[in-house]
Amino acid sequence: MADGYMYTVGNDDDELFGPVGECWEESWVEYIAESAADDYHREHDGWQSRWPIRFTIYKQDGTKLGVVDVDREMKAEFTGSEVLNEQ
């Protein structure tokens, strides 16, 4: 396991985000990219972005591990409440 991985978003290799994916082995780059996508969505206004987004994953020493396109799935959730005394 690593101390986490860094990532860039889209074609912008200038701004590194992270660390993320501390629990993933470096060969599991797709899972690391999903952790990066979650971090980007929650902490860096990624919810405003158009998905899918390309993530480039790096080790802490700057070694490039891979490039992964990540899409966002929206899960609709519904709740119901009974209406009492409806006439």
PDB file of N, CA and C in Angstrom:
ATOM      1  N   MET A   1       0.835  -1.192   0.000  1.00  0.00           N
ATOM      2  CA  MET A   1       0.000   0.000   0.000  1.00  0.00           C
ATOM      3  C   MET A   1       0.874   1.247   0.000  1.00  0.00           C
ATOM      4  N   ALA A   2       0.282   2.314  -0.444  1.00  0.00           N
ATOM      5  CA  ALA A   2       1.028   3.559  -0.565  1.00  0.00           C
ATOM      6  C   ALA A   2       0.506   4.583   0.434  1.00  0.00           C
ATOM      7  N   ASP A   3       1.179   5.742   0.463  1.00  0.00           N
ATOM      8  CA  ASP A   3       0.730   6.841   1.309  1.00  0.00           C
ATOM      9  C   ASP A   3      -0.278   7.702   0.588  1.00  0.00           C
ATOM     10  N   GLY A   4      -0.728   7.272  -0.554  1.00  0.00           N
ATOM     11  CA  GLY A   4      -1.679   8.024  -1.342  1.00  0.00           C
ATOM     12  C   GLY A   4      -1.085   8.399  -2.675  1.00  0.00           C
ATOM     13  N   TYR A   5      -1.942   8.795  -3.568  1.00  0.00           N
ATOM     14  CA  TYR A   5      -1.555   9.127  -4.930  1.00  0.00           C
ATOM     15  C   TYR A   5      -2.043  10.527  -5.260  1.00  0.00           C
ATOM     16  N   MET A   6      -1.356  11.156  -6.175  1.00  0.00           N
ATOM     17  CA  MET A   6      -1.724  12.487  -6.638  1.00  0.00           C
ATOM     18  C   MET A   6      -2.425  12.339  -7.988  1.00  0.00           C
ATOM     19  N   TYR A   7      -3.166  13.371  -8.399  1.00  0.00           N
ATOM     20  CA  TYR A   7      -3.844  13.299  -9.688  1.00  0.00           C
ATOM     21  C   TYR A   7      -4.001  14.671 -10.305  1.00  0.00           C
ATOM     22  N   THR A   8      -4.139  14.666 -11.622  1.00  0.00           N
ATOM     23  CA  THR A   8      -4.500  15.867 -12.365  1.00  0.00           C
ATOM     24  C   THR A   8      -5.819  15.597 -13.070  1.00  0.00           C
ATOM     25  N   VAL A   9      -6.482  16.674 -13.480  1.00  0.00           N
ATOM     26  CA  VAL A   9      -7.811  16.583 -14.084  1.00  0.00           C
ATOM     27  C   VAL A   9      -7.764  17.114 -15.510  1.00  0.00           C
ATOM     28  N   GLY A  10      -8.350  16.353 -16.428  1.00  0.00           N
ATOM     29  CA  GLY A  10      -8.415  16.786 -17.822  1.00  0.00           C
ATOM     30  C   GLY A  10      -7.028  16.902 -18.422  1.00  0.00           C
ATOM     31  N   ASN A  11      -6.834  17.939 -19.213  1.00  0.00           N
ATOM     32  CA  ASN A  11      -5.539  18.165 -19.866  1.00  0.00           C
ATOM     33  C   ASN A  11      -4.641  19.090 -19.069  1.00  0.00           C
ATOM     34  N   ASP A  12      -5.071  19.454 -17.853  1.00  0.00           N
ATOM     35  CA  ASP A  12      -4.308  20.382 -17.023  1.00  0.00           C
ATOM     36  C   ASP A  12      -3.346  19.605 -16.131  1.00  0.00           C
ATOM     37  N   ASP A  13      -2.120  19.440 -16.591  1.00  0.00           N
ATOM     38  CA  ASP A  13      -1.124  18.725 -15.803  1.00  0.00           C
ATOM     39  C   ASP A  13      -0.383  19.639 -14.844  1.00  0.00           C
ATOM     40  N   ASP A  14      -0.788  20.903 -14.754  1.00  0.00           N
ATOM     41  CA  ASP A  14      -0.095  21.857 -13.895  1.00  0.00           C
ATOM     42  C   ASP A  14      -0.539  21.775 -12.441  1.00  0.00           C
ATOM     43  N   GLU A  15      -1.814  21.457 -12.216  1.00  0.00           N
ATOM     44  CA  GLU A  15      -2.340  21.469 -10.853  1.00  0.00           C
ATOM     45  C   GLU A  15      -2.548  20.043 -10.350  1.00  0.00           C
ATOM     46  N   LEU A  16      -1.762  19.675  -9.348  1.00  0.00           N
ATOM     47  CA  LEU A  16      -1.884  18.358  -8.735  1.00  0.00           C
ATOM     48  C   LEU A  16      -2.857  18.424  -7.569  1.00  0.00           C
ATOM     49  N   PHE A  17      -3.709  17.413  -7.463  1.00  0.00           N
ATOM     50  CA  PHE A  17      -4.619  17.260  -6.343  1.00  0.00           C
ATOM     51  C   PHE A  17      -4.240  15.977  -5.603  1.00  0.00           C
ATOM     52  N   GLY A  18      -4.719  15.862  -4.372  1.00  0.00           N
ATOM     53  CA  GLY A  18      -4.506  14.634  -3.613  1.00  0.00           C
ATOM     54  C   GLY A  18      -3.880  14.933  -2.276  1.00  0.00           C
ATOM     55  N   PRO A  19      -3.463  13.952  -1.551  1.00  0.00           N
ATOM     56  CA  PRO A  19      -3.401  12.538  -1.921  1.00  0.00           C
ATOM     57  C   PRO A  19      -4.753  11.836  -1.768  1.00  0.00           C
ATOM     58  N   VAL A  20      -4.922  10.784  -2.546  1.00  0.00           N
ATOM     59  CA  VAL A  20      -6.121   9.948  -2.513  1.00  0.00           C
ATOM     60  C   VAL A  20      -5.717   8.481  -2.655  1.00  0.00           C
ATOM     61  N   GLY A  21      -6.659   7.581  -2.433  1.00  0.00           N
ATOM     62  CA  GLY A  21      -6.464   6.166  -2.720  1.00  0.00           C
ATOM     63  C   GLY A  21      -5.412   5.480  -1.877  1.00  0.00           C
ATOM     64  N   GLU A  22      -5.284   5.898  -0.612  1.00  0.00           N
ATOM     65  CA  GLU A  22      -4.257   5.334   0.249  1.00  0.00           C
ATOM     66  C   GLU A  22      -4.389   3.821   0.412  1.00  0.00           C
ATOM     67  N   CYS A  23      -5.591   3.281   0.265  1.00  0.00           N
ATOM     68  CA  CYS A  23      -5.813   1.854   0.507  1.00  0.00           C
ATOM     69  C   CYS A  23      -5.623   1.000  -0.740  1.00  0.00           C
ATOM     70  N   TRP A  24      -5.308   1.594  -1.892  1.00  0.00           N
ATOM     71  CA  TRP A  24      -5.187   0.826  -3.132  1.00  0.00           C
ATOM     72  C   TRP A  24      -3.732   0.594  -3.504  1.00  0.00           C
ATOM     73  N   GLU A  25      -3.458  -0.600  -4.026  1.00  0.00           N
ATOM     74  CA  GLU A  25      -2.146  -0.896  -4.590  1.00  0.00           C
ATOM     75  C   GLU A  25      -1.987  -0.110  -5.890  1.00  0.00           C
ATOM     76  N   GLU A  26      -0.779   0.227  -6.262  1.00  0.00           N
ATOM     77  CA  GLU A  26      -0.567   1.072  -7.444  1.00  0.00           C
ATOM     78  C   GLU A  26      -1.011   0.405  -8.741  1.00  0.00           C
ATOM     79  N   SER A  27      -1.112  -0.915  -8.774  1.00  0.00           N
ATOM     80  CA  SER A  27      -1.582  -1.593  -9.992  1.00  0.00           C
ATOM     81  C   SER A  27      -3.089  -1.453 -10.194  1.00  0.00           C
ATOM     82  N   TRP A  28      -3.798  -0.969  -9.201  1.00  0.00           N
ATOM     83  CA  TRP A  28      -5.250  -0.798  -9.285  1.00  0.00           C
ATOM     84  C   TRP A  28      -5.586   0.640  -9.650  1.00  0.00           C
ATOM     85  N   VAL A  29      -5.040   1.094 -10.744  1.00  0.00           N
ATOM     86  CA  VAL A  29      -5.137   2.509 -11.118  1.00  0.00           C
ATOM     87  C   VAL A  29      -6.588   2.948 -11.333  1.00  0.00           C
ATOM     88  N   GLU A  30      -7.468   2.064 -11.788  1.00  0.00           N
ATOM     89  CA  GLU A  30      -8.862   2.453 -11.991  1.00  0.00           C
ATOM     90  C   GLU A  30      -9.543   2.781 -10.658  1.00  0.00           C
ATOM     91  N   TYR A  31      -9.236   2.010  -9.625  1.00  0.00           N
ATOM     92  CA  TYR A  31      -9.812   2.297  -8.306  1.00  0.00           C
ATOM     93  C   TYR A  31      -9.248   3.593  -7.730  1.00  0.00           C
ATOM     94  N   ILE A  32      -7.967   3.825  -7.962  1.00  0.00           N
ATOM     95  CA  ILE A  32      -7.356   5.075  -7.510  1.00  0.00           C
ATOM     96  C   ILE A  32      -8.026   6.248  -8.217  1.00  0.00           C
ATOM     97  N   ALA A  33      -8.293   6.099  -9.517  1.00  0.00           N
ATOM     98  CA  ALA A  33      -8.955   7.160 -10.282  1.00  0.00           C
ATOM     99  C   ALA A  33     -10.366   7.410  -9.760  1.00  0.00           C
ATOM    100  N   GLU A  34     -11.067   6.369  -9.348  1.00  0.00           N
ATOM    101  CA  GLU A  34     -12.402   6.558  -8.771  1.00  0.00           C
ATOM    102  C   GLU A  34     -12.315   7.317  -7.452  1.00  0.00           C
ATOM    103  N   SER A  35     -11.297   7.045  -6.649  1.00  0.00           N
ATOM    104  CA  SER A  35     -11.078   7.811  -5.417  1.00  0.00           C
ATOM    105  C   SER A  35     -10.750   9.264  -5.743  1.00  0.00           C
ATOM    106  N   ALA A  36      -9.957   9.463  -6.789  1.00  0.00           N
ATOM    107  CA  ALA A  36      -9.635  10.824  -7.222  1.00  0.00           C
ATOM    108  C   ALA A  36     -10.891  11.553  -7.683  1.00  0.00           C
ATOM    109  N   ALA A  37     -11.748  10.859  -8.421  1.00  0.00           N
ATOM    110  CA  ALA A  37     -12.989  11.475  -8.899  1.00  0.00           C
ATOM    111  C   ALA A  37     -13.876  11.876  -7.731  1.00  0.00           C
ATOM    112  N   ASP A  38     -13.955  11.025  -6.721  1.00  0.00           N
ATOM    113  CA  ASP A  38     -14.753  11.350  -5.541  1.00  0.00           C
ATOM    114  C   ASP A  38     -14.188  12.574  -4.831  1.00  0.00           C
ATOM    115  N   ASP A  39     -12.865  12.631  -4.671  1.00  0.00           N
ATOM    116  CA  ASP A  39     -12.222  13.786  -4.047  1.00  0.00           C
ATOM    117  C   ASP A  39     -12.465  15.049  -4.864  1.00  0.00           C
ATOM    118  N   TYR A  40     -12.294  14.959  -6.164  1.00  0.00           N
ATOM    119  CA  TYR A  40     -12.494  16.119  -7.040  1.00  0.00           C
ATOM    120  C   TYR A  40     -13.949  16.600  -6.984  1.00  0.00           C
ATOM    121  N   HIS A  41     -14.882  15.670  -6.987  1.00  0.00           N
ATOM    122  CA  HIS A  41     -16.308  16.007  -6.941  1.00  0.00           C
ATOM    123  C   HIS A  41     -16.666  16.703  -5.634  1.00  0.00           C
ATOM    124  N   ARG A  42     -16.160  16.194  -4.532  1.00  0.00           N
ATOM    125  CA  ARG A  42     -16.523  16.721  -3.208  1.00  0.00           C
ATOM    126  C   ARG A  42     -15.740  17.964  -2.801  1.00  0.00           C
ATOM    127  N   GLU A  43     -14.444  17.975  -3.083  1.00  0.00           N
ATOM    128  CA  GLU A  43     -13.566  18.997  -2.506  1.00  0.00           C
ATOM    129  C   GLU A  43     -13.110  20.087  -3.470  1.00  0.00           C
ATOM    130  N   HIS A  44     -13.325  19.892  -4.757  1.00  0.00           N
ATOM    131  CA  HIS A  44     -12.765  20.839  -5.735  1.00  0.00           C
ATOM    132  C   HIS A  44     -13.808  21.256  -6.772  1.00  0.00           C
ATOM    133  N   ASP A  45     -15.064  21.322  -6.386  1.00  0.00           N
ATOM    134  CA  ASP A  45     -16.177  21.761  -7.249  1.00  0.00           C
ATOM    135  C   ASP A  45     -16.348  20.905  -8.498  1.00  0.00           C
ATOM    136  N   GLY A  46     -15.959  19.645  -8.409  1.00  0.00           N
ATOM    137  CA  GLY A  46     -16.135  18.746  -9.535  1.00  0.00           C
ATOM    138  C   GLY A  46     -17.587  18.501  -9.890  1.00  0.00           C
ATOM    139  N   TRP A  47     -18.487  18.757  -8.940  1.00  0.00           N
ATOM    140  CA  TRP A  47     -19.915  18.592  -9.219  1.00  0.00           C
ATOM    141  C   TRP A  47     -20.375  19.568 -10.293  1.00  0.00           C
ATOM    142  N   GLN A  48     -19.614  20.631 -10.523  1.00  0.00           N
ATOM    143  CA  GLN A  48     -19.968  21.602 -11.554  1.00  0.00           C
ATOM    144  C   GLN A  48     -19.421  21.212 -12.931  1.00  0.00           C
ATOM    145  N   SER A  49     -18.596  20.196 -12.978  1.00  0.00           N
ATOM    146  CA  SER A  49     -17.920  19.815 -14.224  1.00  0.00           C
ATOM    147  C   SER A  49     -18.788  18.931 -15.098  1.00  0.00           C
ATOM    148  N   ARG A  50     -18.405  18.860 -16.358  1.00  0.00           N
ATOM    149  CA  ARG A  50     -19.045  17.933 -17.309  1.00  0.00           C
ATOM    150  C   ARG A  50     -18.284  16.616 -17.256  1.00  0.00           C
ATOM    151  N   TRP A  51     -18.999  15.556 -17.043  1.00  0.00           N
ATOM    152  CA  TRP A  51     -18.412  14.226 -16.945  1.00  0.00           C
ATOM    153  C   TRP A  51     -18.713  13.445 -18.200  1.00  0.00           C
ATOM    154  N   PRO A  52     -17.926  12.489 -18.638  1.00  0.00           N
ATOM    155  CA  PRO A  52     -16.748  11.938 -17.974  1.00  0.00           C
ATOM    156  C   PRO A  52     -15.555  12.889 -17.979  1.00  0.00           C
ATOM    157  N   ILE A  53     -14.671  12.652 -17.031  1.00  0.00           N
ATOM    158  CA  ILE A  53     -13.456  13.458 -16.868  1.00  0.00           C
ATOM    159  C   ILE A  53     -12.254  12.523 -16.903  1.00  0.00           C
ATOM    160  N   ARG A  54     -11.188  12.991 -17.519  1.00  0.00           N
ATOM    161  CA  ARG A  54      -9.938  12.225 -17.593  1.00  0.00           C
ATOM    162  C   ARG A  54      -9.059  12.568 -16.386  1.00  0.00           C
ATOM    163  N   PHE A  55      -8.645  11.530 -15.661  1.00  0.00           N
ATOM    164  CA  PHE A  55      -7.764  11.673 -14.504  1.00  0.00           C
ATOM    165  C   PHE A  55      -6.430  11.008 -14.810  1.00  0.00           C
ATOM    166  N   THR A  56      -5.355  11.710 -14.530  1.00  0.00           N
ATOM    167  CA  THR A  56      -4.023  11.147 -14.633  1.00  0.00           C
ATOM    168  C   THR A  56      -3.520  10.921 -13.220  1.00  0.00           C
ATOM    169  N   ILE A  57      -3.088   9.697 -12.940  1.00  0.00           N
ATOM    170  CA  ILE A  57      -2.710   9.291 -11.590  1.00  0.00           C
ATOM    171  C   ILE A  57      -1.188   9.208 -11.484  1.00  0.00           C
ATOM    172  N   TYR A  58      -0.656   9.746 -10.376  1.00  0.00           N
ATOM    173  CA  TYR A  58       0.786   9.762 -10.128  1.00  0.00           C
ATOM    174  C   TYR A  58       1.099   9.216  -8.741  1.00  0.00           C
ATOM    175  N   LYS A  59       2.252   8.578  -8.629  1.00  0.00           N
ATOM    176  CA  LYS A  59       2.771   8.236  -7.313  1.00  0.00           C
ATOM    177  C   LYS A  59       3.252   9.525  -6.659  1.00  0.00           C
ATOM    178  N   GLN A  60       3.498   9.465  -5.354  1.00  0.00           N
ATOM    179  CA  GLN A  60       3.967  10.654  -4.630  1.00  0.00           C
ATOM    180  C   GLN A  60       5.290  11.184  -5.191  1.00  0.00           C
ATOM    181  N   ASP A  61       6.108  10.310  -5.770  1.00  0.00           N
ATOM    182  CA  ASP A  61       7.395  10.754  -6.321  1.00  0.00           C
ATOM    183  C   ASP A  61       7.266  11.341  -7.728  1.00  0.00           C
ATOM    184  N   GLY A  62       6.032  11.414  -8.257  1.00  0.00           N
ATOM    185  CA  GLY A  62       5.802  12.001  -9.573  1.00  0.00           C
ATOM    186  C   GLY A  62       5.743  10.997 -10.708  1.00  0.00           C
ATOM    187  N   THR A  63       5.963   9.720 -10.417  1.00  0.00           N
ATOM    188  CA  THR A  63       5.888   8.690 -11.452  1.00  0.00           C
ATOM    189  C   THR A  63       4.443   8.528 -11.911  1.00  0.00           C
ATOM    190  N   LYS A  64       4.221   8.622 -13.212  1.00  0.00           N
ATOM    191  CA  LYS A  64       2.885   8.483 -13.783  1.00  0.00           C
ATOM    192  C   LYS A  64       2.472   7.017 -13.791  1.00  0.00           C
ATOM    193  N   LEU A  65       1.291   6.727 -13.218  1.00  0.00           N
ATOM    194  CA  LEU A  65       0.790   5.355 -13.171  1.00  0.00           C
ATOM    195  C   LEU A  65      -0.190   5.049 -14.287  1.00  0.00           C
ATOM    196  N   GLY A  66      -0.956   6.045 -14.717  1.00  0.00           N
ATOM    197  CA  GLY A  66      -1.915   5.790 -15.780  1.00  0.00           C
ATOM    198  C   GLY A  66      -2.910   6.919 -15.943  1.00  0.00           C
ATOM    199  N   VAL A  67      -3.705   6.784 -16.991  1.00  0.00           N
ATOM    200  CA  VAL A  67      -4.745   7.757 -17.331  1.00  0.00           C
ATOM    201  C   VAL A  67      -6.066   6.998 -17.418  1.00  0.00           C
ATOM    202  N   VAL A  68      -7.099   7.521 -16.727  1.00  0.00           N
ATOM    203  CA  VAL A  68      -8.387   6.838 -16.662  1.00  0.00           C
ATOM    204  C   VAL A  68      -9.502   7.853 -16.893  1.00  0.00           C
ATOM    205  N   ASP A  69     -10.441   7.521 -17.774  1.00  0.00           N
ATOM    206  CA  ASP A  69     -11.655   8.319 -17.929  1.00  0.00           C
ATOM    207  C   ASP A  69     -12.681   7.820 -16.920  1.00  0.00           C
ATOM    208  N   VAL A  70     -13.202   8.737 -16.102  1.00  0.00           N
ATOM    209  CA  VAL A  70     -14.168   8.383 -15.063  1.00  0.00           C
ATOM    210  C   VAL A  70     -15.469   9.103 -15.348  1.00  0.00           C
ATOM    211  N   ASP A  71     -16.556   8.362 -15.301  1.00  0.00           N
ATOM    212  CA  ASP A  71     -17.889   8.940 -15.483  1.00  0.00           C
ATOM    213  C   ASP A  71     -18.602   8.975 -14.137  1.00  0.00           C
ATOM    214  N   ARG A  72     -19.553   9.863 -14.014  1.00  0.00           N
ATOM    215  CA  ARG A  72     -20.325  10.013 -12.784  1.00  0.00           C
ATOM    216  C   ARG A  72     -21.708   9.435 -13.011  1.00  0.00           C
ATOM    217  N   GLU A  73     -22.159   8.620 -12.076  1.00  0.00           N
ATOM    218  CA  GLU A  73     -23.513   8.084 -12.133  1.00  0.00           C
ATOM    219  C   GLU A  73     -24.353   8.802 -11.087  1.00  0.00           C
ATOM    220  N   MET A  74     -25.485   9.251 -11.521  1.00  0.00           N
ATOM    221  CA  MET A  74     -26.409   9.906 -10.594  1.00  0.00           C
ATOM    222  C   MET A  74     -27.455   8.890 -10.172  1.00  0.00           C
ATOM    223  N   LYS A  75     -27.623   8.727  -8.885  1.00  0.00           N
ATOM    224  CA  LYS A  75     -28.582   7.773  -8.355  1.00  0.00           C
ATOM    225  C   LYS A  75     -29.780   8.549  -7.806  1.00  0.00           C
ATOM    226  N   ALA A  76     -30.917   8.342  -8.439  1.00  0.00           N
ATOM    227  CA  ALA A  76     -32.136   8.981  -7.944  1.00  0.00           C
ATOM    228  C   ALA A  76     -32.643   8.211  -6.727  1.00  0.00           C
ATOM    229  N   GLU A  77     -32.960   8.943  -5.681  1.00  0.00           N
ATOM    230  CA  GLU A  77     -33.542   8.339  -4.489  1.00  0.00           C
ATOM    231  C   GLU A  77     -34.860   9.028  -4.216  1.00  0.00           C
ATOM    232  N   PHE A  78     -35.836   8.242  -3.830  1.00  0.00           N
ATOM    233  CA  PHE A  78     -37.171   8.764  -3.586  1.00  0.00           C
ATOM    234  C   PHE A  78     -37.621   8.358  -2.190  1.00  0.00           C
ATOM    235  N   THR A  79     -38.324   9.252  -1.531  1.00  0.00           N
ATOM    236  CA  THR A  79     -38.929   8.939  -0.236  1.00  0.00           C
ATOM    237  C   THR A  79     -40.388   9.341  -0.301  1.00  0.00           C
ATOM    238  N   GLY A  80     -41.215   8.603   0.385  1.00  0.00           N
ATOM    239  CA  GLY A  80     -42.654   8.903   0.410  1.00  0.00           C
ATOM    240  C   GLY A  80     -43.132   9.096   1.819  1.00  0.00           C
ATOM    241  N   SER A  81     -44.104   9.945   1.977  1.00  0.00           N
ATOM    242  CA  SER A  81     -44.752  10.160   3.270  1.00  0.00           C
ATOM    243  C   SER A  81     -46.252  10.125   3.051  1.00  0.00           C
ATOM    244  N   GLU A  82     -46.905   9.365   3.870  1.00  0.00           N
ATOM    245  CA  GLU A  82     -48.353   9.244   3.751  1.00  0.00           C
ATOM    246  C   GLU A  82     -49.019  10.561   4.102  1.00  0.00           C
ATOM    247  N   VAL A  83     -50.010  10.936   3.300  1.00  0.00           N
ATOM    248  CA  VAL A  83     -50.774  12.149   3.549  1.00  0.00           C
ATOM    249  C   VAL A  83     -52.006  11.749   4.356  1.00  0.00           C
ATOM    250  N   LEU A  84     -52.078  12.281   5.548  1.00  0.00           N
ATOM    251  CA  LEU A  84     -53.215  11.972   6.424  1.00  0.00           C
ATOM    252  C   LEU A  84     -54.279  13.051   6.279  1.00  0.00           C
ATOM    253  N   ASN A  85     -55.506  12.650   6.435  1.00  0.00           N
ATOM    254  CA  ASN A  85     -56.659  13.577   6.381  1.00  0.00           C
ATOM    255  C   ASN A  85     -56.807  14.221   5.011  1.00  0.00           C
ATOM    256  N   GLU A  86     -56.436  13.506   3.976  1.00  0.00           N
ATOM    257  CA  GLU A  86     -56.621  14.012   2.612  1.00  0.00           C
ATOM    258  C   GLU A  86     -58.089  13.841   2.242  1.00  0.00           C
ATOM    259  N   GLN A  87     -58.709  14.874   1.725  1.00  0.00           N
ATOM    260  CA  GLN A  87     -60.128  14.805   1.400  1.00  0.00           C
ATOM    261  C   GLN A  87     -60.388  14.929  -0.061  1.00  0.00           C
TER     262      GLN A  87
END
